[in-house]
Amino acid sequence: MPFPEQQVEWLLANRAKILRYAFVPQLLAAVALLGIAYFTGKTDAYLLFKGARTRGKIVGFQPRQIHRYRTPTSTGIFGVPGGEGVGWPVAVLYDPGNVSVAMIDRPFWNWIPWGPALAMGAFLALVSLKGLFVFLTFPEPASSLATGAQK
């Protein structure tokens, strides 16, 4: 079965060239993760950093609709099986300029799902930018055959 052996041989022979262009998939993954973090967390981040805090009370439950994008109207809606919790006090984050934009303040869960995507995207962006810097700064090393060097 020569097929996998030929591929492995080609990969080993072109290892430096492959690693030289490794920043491209890293950059694409970083852009995708940062885009996911932006679209899923822009309202949450706005409320966390510029919103006001107050106390509220659960007055009812609505089933949450799954939308293509997370909208401000679905930010504070959540459900508990059986409807328990009506009347419970909760901390609420809201936008004083637009009180319809609000969410229940849940310290750890405020960062899910956009926080991990932001962290991974930022890390990959830094790593890929370092790779891009190396790619642009240092020329591709000449192979030993092109320079005429002998072993």
Protein backbone atom coordinates (compact mmCIF):
# COMPACT_ATOMS: atom_id res chain seq x y z
CA MET A 1 0.00 0.00 0.00
CA PRO A 2 2.20 2.87 -1.23
CA PHE A 3 -0.46 5.59 -0.99
CA PRO A 4 -0.04 6.63 2.71
CA GLU A 5 3.71 6.12 2.53
CA GLN A 6 3.99 8.59 -0.36
CA GLN A 7 1.98 11.18 1.54
CA VAL A 8 4.06 10.76 4.69
CA GLU A 9 7.23 11.03 2.64
CA TRP A 10 5.97 14.21 0.95
CA LEU A 11 4.96 15.73 4.32
CA LEU A 12 8.37 14.98 5.83
CA ALA A 13 10.16 16.36 2.78
CA ASN A 14 8.13 19.61 2.87
CA ARG A 15 7.95 20.06 6.63
CA ALA A 16 9.56 23.52 6.68
CA LYS A 17 7.27 24.85 3.93
CA ILE A 18 4.16 23.47 5.66
CA LEU A 19 5.13 25.00 8.99
CA ARG A 20 5.95 28.29 7.27
CA TYR A 21 2.34 28.59 6.06
CA ALA A 22 0.73 27.23 9.25
CA PHE A 23 -0.39 30.74 10.21
CA VAL A 24 -3.06 30.74 7.48
CA PRO A 25 -5.43 28.13 9.06
CA GLN A 26 -4.72 29.65 12.48
CA LEU A 27 -5.77 33.07 11.20
CA LEU A 28 -8.92 31.66 9.58
CA ALA A 29 -9.88 29.86 12.82
CA ALA A 30 -9.20 33.05 14.81
CA VAL A 31 -11.46 35.10 12.54
CA ALA A 32 -14.23 32.49 12.81
CA LEU A 33 -14.01 32.29 16.62
CA LEU A 34 -13.88 36.05 17.03
CA GLY A 35 -16.91 36.35 14.74
CA ILE A 36 -18.83 33.80 16.83
CA ALA A 37 -17.84 35.64 20.01
CA TYR A 38 -18.99 38.96 18.55
CA PHE A 39 -22.39 37.76 17.34
CA THR A 40 -23.21 35.76 20.46
CA GLY A 41 -21.83 38.17 23.02
CA LYS A 42 -22.15 41.76 21.84
CA THR A 43 -25.29 42.43 23.91
CA ASP A 44 -24.01 40.51 26.93
CA ALA A 45 -20.66 42.32 26.85
CA TYR A 46 -22.39 45.69 26.51
CA LEU A 47 -24.56 44.94 29.54
CA LEU A 48 -21.61 43.63 31.56
CA PHE A 49 -19.42 46.68 30.95
CA LYS A 50 -21.93 49.54 30.58
CA GLY A 51 -25.19 48.22 31.97
CA ALA A 52 -26.77 49.02 35.32
CA ARG A 53 -27.52 46.44 38.01
CA THR A 54 -30.77 46.16 39.89
CA ARG A 55 -32.85 43.58 41.72
CA GLY A 56 -35.81 41.98 40.04
CA LYS A 57 -38.32 39.22 40.51
CA ILE A 58 -39.26 36.35 38.24
CA VAL A 59 -42.85 36.95 37.16
CA GLY A 60 -43.24 34.16 34.60
CA PHE A 61 -41.55 31.88 32.14
CA GLN A 62 -41.47 31.76 28.39
CA PRO A 63 -39.87 29.02 26.32
CA ARG A 64 -36.78 30.34 24.63
CA GLN A 65 -36.83 30.37 20.86
CA ILE A 66 -33.66 29.33 19.09
CA HIS A 67 -32.85 32.05 16.55
CA ARG A 68 -30.23 32.20 13.90
CA TYR A 69 -28.63 35.05 15.84
CA ARG A 70 -29.09 35.88 19.48
CA THR A 71 -31.29 38.94 19.69
CA PRO A 72 -31.69 41.44 22.55
CA THR A 73 -35.32 40.38 22.98
CA SER A 74 -34.26 36.86 23.94
CA THR A 75 -31.41 37.86 26.26
CA GLY A 76 -33.27 37.73 29.57
CA ILE A 77 -35.70 34.94 28.79
CA PHE A 78 -35.03 31.55 30.30
CA GLY A 79 -37.01 28.58 31.44
CA VAL A 80 -37.14 26.23 34.39
CA PRO A 81 -38.91 22.88 33.97
CA GLY A 82 -42.22 22.88 35.81
CA GLY A 83 -42.29 26.67 36.20
CA GLU A 84 -40.76 26.72 39.68
CA GLY A 85 -39.16 29.94 40.74
CA VAL A 86 -41.95 32.41 40.04
CA GLY A 87 -41.49 35.18 42.58
CA TRP A 88 -37.81 34.43 43.22
CA PRO A 89 -35.57 37.50 43.47
CA VAL A 90 -32.81 37.78 40.87
CA ALA A 91 -30.05 40.24 39.98
CA VAL A 92 -30.66 41.90 36.61
CA LEU A 93 -28.32 43.73 34.23
CA TYR A 94 -30.08 46.23 31.97
CA ASP A 95 -29.39 49.14 29.64
CA PRO A 96 -30.72 52.36 31.23
CA GLY A 97 -31.25 53.88 27.78
CA ASN A 98 -33.24 50.89 26.50
CA VAL A 99 -34.76 48.92 29.38
CA SER A 100 -36.00 46.20 27.03
CA VAL A 101 -32.35 45.05 26.72
CA ALA A 102 -31.76 43.12 29.92
CA MET A 103 -30.50 39.81 31.20
CA ILE A 104 -30.39 37.96 34.48
CA ASP A 105 -26.99 38.46 36.12
CA ARG A 106 -25.41 35.04 36.59
CA PRO A 107 -21.73 35.63 37.47
CA PHE A 108 -20.08 32.69 35.67
CA TRP A 109 -22.76 32.04 33.06
CA ASN A 110 -22.69 35.64 31.81
CA TRP A 111 -19.56 34.71 29.83
CA ILE A 112 -20.92 31.54 28.22
CA PRO A 113 -20.81 30.86 25.19
CA TRP A 114 -18.96 33.93 23.93
CA GLY A 115 -16.18 34.15 26.54
CA PRO A 116 -14.35 30.92 25.64
CA ALA A 117 -14.72 31.67 21.92
CA LEU A 118 -13.25 35.15 22.51
CA ALA A 119 -10.32 33.75 24.51
CA MET A 120 -9.48 31.04 21.96
CA GLY A 121 -9.92 33.45 19.04
CA ALA A 122 -7.66 36.05 20.67
CA PHE A 123 -5.00 33.42 21.38
CA LEU A 124 -5.11 32.09 17.81
CA ALA A 125 -5.02 35.64 16.44
CA LEU A 126 -1.85 36.41 18.41
CA VAL A 127 -0.18 33.14 17.35
CA SER A 128 -1.13 33.63 13.69
CA LEU A 129 0.02 37.27 13.69
CA LYS A 130 3.37 36.10 15.04
CA GLY A 131 3.53 33.56 12.21
CA LEU A 132 2.59 36.23 9.68
CA PHE A 133 5.34 38.49 11.07
CA VAL A 134 7.90 35.69 10.70
CA PHE A 135 6.62 34.95 7.19
CA LEU A 136 6.95 38.58 6.08
CA THR A 137 10.20 39.34 7.91
CA PHE A 138 12.37 36.33 7.16
CA PRO A 139 12.72 35.06 3.59
CA GLU A 140 12.08 31.42 2.82
CA PRO A 141 15.25 29.42 3.50
CA ALA A 142 16.87 28.16 0.33
CA SER A 143 17.09 24.40 0.02
CA SER A 144 20.45 22.72 -0.05
CA LEU A 145 19.93 21.70 -3.71
CA ALA A 146 19.25 25.27 -4.85
CA THR A 147 22.41 26.64 -3.23
CA GLY A 148 24.58 23.84 -4.51
CA ALA A 149 25.72 22.79 -1.03
CA GLN A 150 26.77 19.18 -0.75
CA LYS A 151 26.67 16.88 2.24
